[in-house]
Protein backbone atom coordinates (compact mmCIF):
# COMPACT_ATOMS: atom_id res chain seq x y z
CA MET A 1 -3.14 -2.97 -8.62
CA ALA A 2 -3.74 -6.18 -6.65
CA PHE A 3 -1.62 -7.09 -3.65
CA THR A 4 1.38 -9.22 -4.53
CA SER A 5 1.76 -12.60 -2.85
CA SER A 6 4.55 -11.09 -0.73
CA GLU A 7 2.31 -8.25 0.42
CA LYS A 8 -0.48 -10.71 1.24
CA GLN A 9 1.96 -12.75 3.30
CA GLN A 10 3.09 -9.64 5.16
CA ILE A 11 -0.53 -8.76 5.92
CA ARG A 12 -1.18 -12.31 7.18
CA ALA A 13 1.92 -12.18 9.38
CA PHE A 14 1.01 -8.83 10.92
CA MET A 15 -2.55 -10.08 11.49
CA GLY A 16 -1.08 -13.09 13.27
CA PHE A 17 -1.57 -15.87 10.73
CA SER A 18 1.04 -18.37 9.63
CA PRO A 19 1.77 -18.84 5.92
CA PHE A 20 1.05 -22.54 6.44
CA TYR A 21 -2.61 -21.92 7.26
CA VAL A 22 -3.78 -19.59 4.50
CA ASN A 23 -7.13 -21.39 4.28
CA ALA A 24 -7.65 -21.29 8.06
CA ASN A 25 -9.12 -17.81 7.87
CA PRO A 26 -11.11 -17.34 4.66
CA SER A 27 -12.58 -14.07 5.93
CA LEU A 28 -9.11 -12.50 6.08
CA GLU A 29 -8.35 -13.69 2.55
CA SER A 30 -11.70 -12.35 1.35
CA SER A 31 -11.03 -8.99 3.00
CA ILE A 32 -7.58 -8.76 1.42
CA ASP A 33 -8.99 -9.62 -2.02
CA LEU A 34 -11.94 -7.23 -1.64
CA VAL A 35 -9.70 -4.31 -0.68
CA SER A 36 -7.33 -5.19 -3.49
CA SER A 37 -10.02 -5.35 -6.16
CA THR A 38 -12.43 -2.63 -5.04
CA TYR A 39 -11.05 -0.13 -2.56
CA HIS A 40 -7.89 1.26 -4.13
CA ASP A 41 -7.44 4.06 -1.59
CA ALA A 42 -7.58 1.51 1.22
CA GLU A 43 -5.14 -0.68 -0.67
CA THR A 44 -2.73 2.27 -0.87
CA GLN A 45 -3.14 2.90 2.86
CA ILE A 46 -2.29 -0.73 3.63
CA ARG A 47 0.74 -0.60 1.33
CA ASN A 48 1.95 2.54 3.12
CA CYS A 49 1.55 0.78 6.47
CA LEU A 50 3.52 -2.23 5.17
CA ILE A 51 6.35 0.07 4.06
CA LYS A 52 6.42 1.75 7.47
CA LEU A 53 6.33 -1.61 9.26
CA ALA A 54 9.28 -2.85 7.18
CA SER A 55 11.18 0.29 8.19
CA ILE A 56 10.32 -0.30 11.86
CA ASP A 57 11.55 -3.89 11.63
CA GLU A 58 14.86 -2.68 10.17
CA LYS A 59 15.24 -0.12 12.95
CA LEU A 60 14.42 -2.73 15.59
CA LEU A 61 17.20 -4.93 14.25
CA VAL A 62 19.65 -2.00 14.42
CA HIS A 63 18.55 -1.24 17.99
CA ALA A 64 18.96 -4.87 19.01
CA GLU A 65 22.46 -4.94 17.56
CA ALA A 66 23.30 -1.68 19.34
CA ALA A 67 21.99 -3.03 22.64
CA ILE A 68 24.08 -6.18 22.27
CA ALA A 69 27.19 -4.24 21.29
CA GLY A 70 26.68 -1.40 23.79
CA SER A 71 28.84 -1.73 26.85
CA ALA A 72 27.56 1.37 28.61
CA GLU A 73 24.32 1.03 30.56
CA GLY A 74 22.97 4.27 29.07
CA VAL A 75 23.34 2.94 25.54
CA THR A 76 21.39 -0.20 26.41
CA ILE A 77 18.62 1.73 28.19
CA LYS A 78 18.31 4.13 25.25
CA ALA A 79 18.07 1.18 22.83
CA ILE A 80 15.39 -0.47 24.99
CA ASN A 81 13.35 2.75 25.23
CA SER A 82 13.64 3.27 21.48
CA THR A 83 12.65 -0.34 20.87
CA ASN A 84 9.54 0.03 23.02
CA LEU A 85 8.56 3.17 21.14
CA LEU A 86 9.09 1.53 17.74
CA GLU A 87 7.00 -1.47 18.80
CA ARG A 88 4.14 0.82 19.89
CA VAL A 89 4.27 2.64 16.56
CA GLY A 90 4.33 -0.71 14.76
CA ARG A 91 1.24 -1.82 16.66
CA LYS A 92 -0.48 1.38 15.54
CA TYR A 93 0.15 0.55 11.88
CA ILE A 94 -0.99 -3.04 12.39
CA LYS A 95 -4.18 -1.72 13.99
CA GLN A 96 -4.70 0.52 10.95
CA ILE A 97 -4.40 -2.50 8.65
CA ALA A 98 -6.83 -4.45 10.86
CA VAL A 99 -9.39 -1.64 10.80
CA ILE A 100 -9.14 -1.24 7.02
CA LEU A 101 -9.71 -4.99 6.62
CA GLY A 102 -12.68 -4.88 8.98
CA TYR A 103 -11.05 -6.58 11.97
CA ASN A 104 -11.12 -5.34 15.54
CA SER A 105 -8.37 -7.71 16.60
CA VAL A 106 -5.45 -9.74 15.35
CA LEU A 107 -4.60 -13.32 16.26
CA THR A 108 -1.25 -12.56 17.92
CA ASP A 109 0.83 -9.51 18.74
CA TYR A 110 3.57 -9.34 16.11
CA TYR A 111 5.78 -7.34 18.47
CA LYS A 112 5.13 -9.47 21.55
CA PRO A 113 8.30 -10.62 23.32
CA ALA A 114 9.19 -14.17 22.35
CA ASN A 115 9.38 -15.26 25.98
CA SER A 116 5.89 -13.99 26.86
CA LEU A 117 3.29 -16.66 27.52
CA ASN A 118 0.35 -14.28 27.91
CA THR A 119 -2.27 -15.19 25.30
CA THR A 120 -4.10 -11.85 25.40
CA ASN A 121 -3.01 -9.84 22.41
CA TYR A 122 -2.63 -6.09 22.29
CA LEU A 123 -6.07 -5.46 20.80
CA GLY A 124 -7.84 -7.30 23.61
CA PHE A 125 -8.54 -10.75 22.16
CA ASP A 126 -7.78 -13.64 24.50
CA SER A 127 -7.06 -16.57 22.19
CA SER A 128 -7.14 -19.06 25.07
CA ARG A 129 -10.80 -18.20 25.73
CA GLY A 130 -11.79 -17.23 22.18
CA CYS A 131 -13.28 -13.91 23.27
CA PHE A 132 -12.56 -10.29 24.11
């Protein structure tokens, strides 16, 4: 069964591409379509990763709410440690999607802190220089 438009958008987002620039990376679109039409086991693996990533995002939201609501320092530290662990696991699933699609990097780190200005993503690609 082909990827739904929602699943394709999730894949694009985790790979670091905006929904406004679908045509900016035709190789990603081709990879998504090829996996969807030909490699059904790989398609299932990507779907499983998307499900796990959605679960991680839900847990991250719960942890953020707990950290905001927590008045004890231990609660906040535990939430931060759990958040870091969830983000690392999320990166692992994103890397799996990238490998299945034939990519050794993604455009941006989905779990990168919003206030970070470092352009080197977690798979080693420095977008400011256009190289690894």
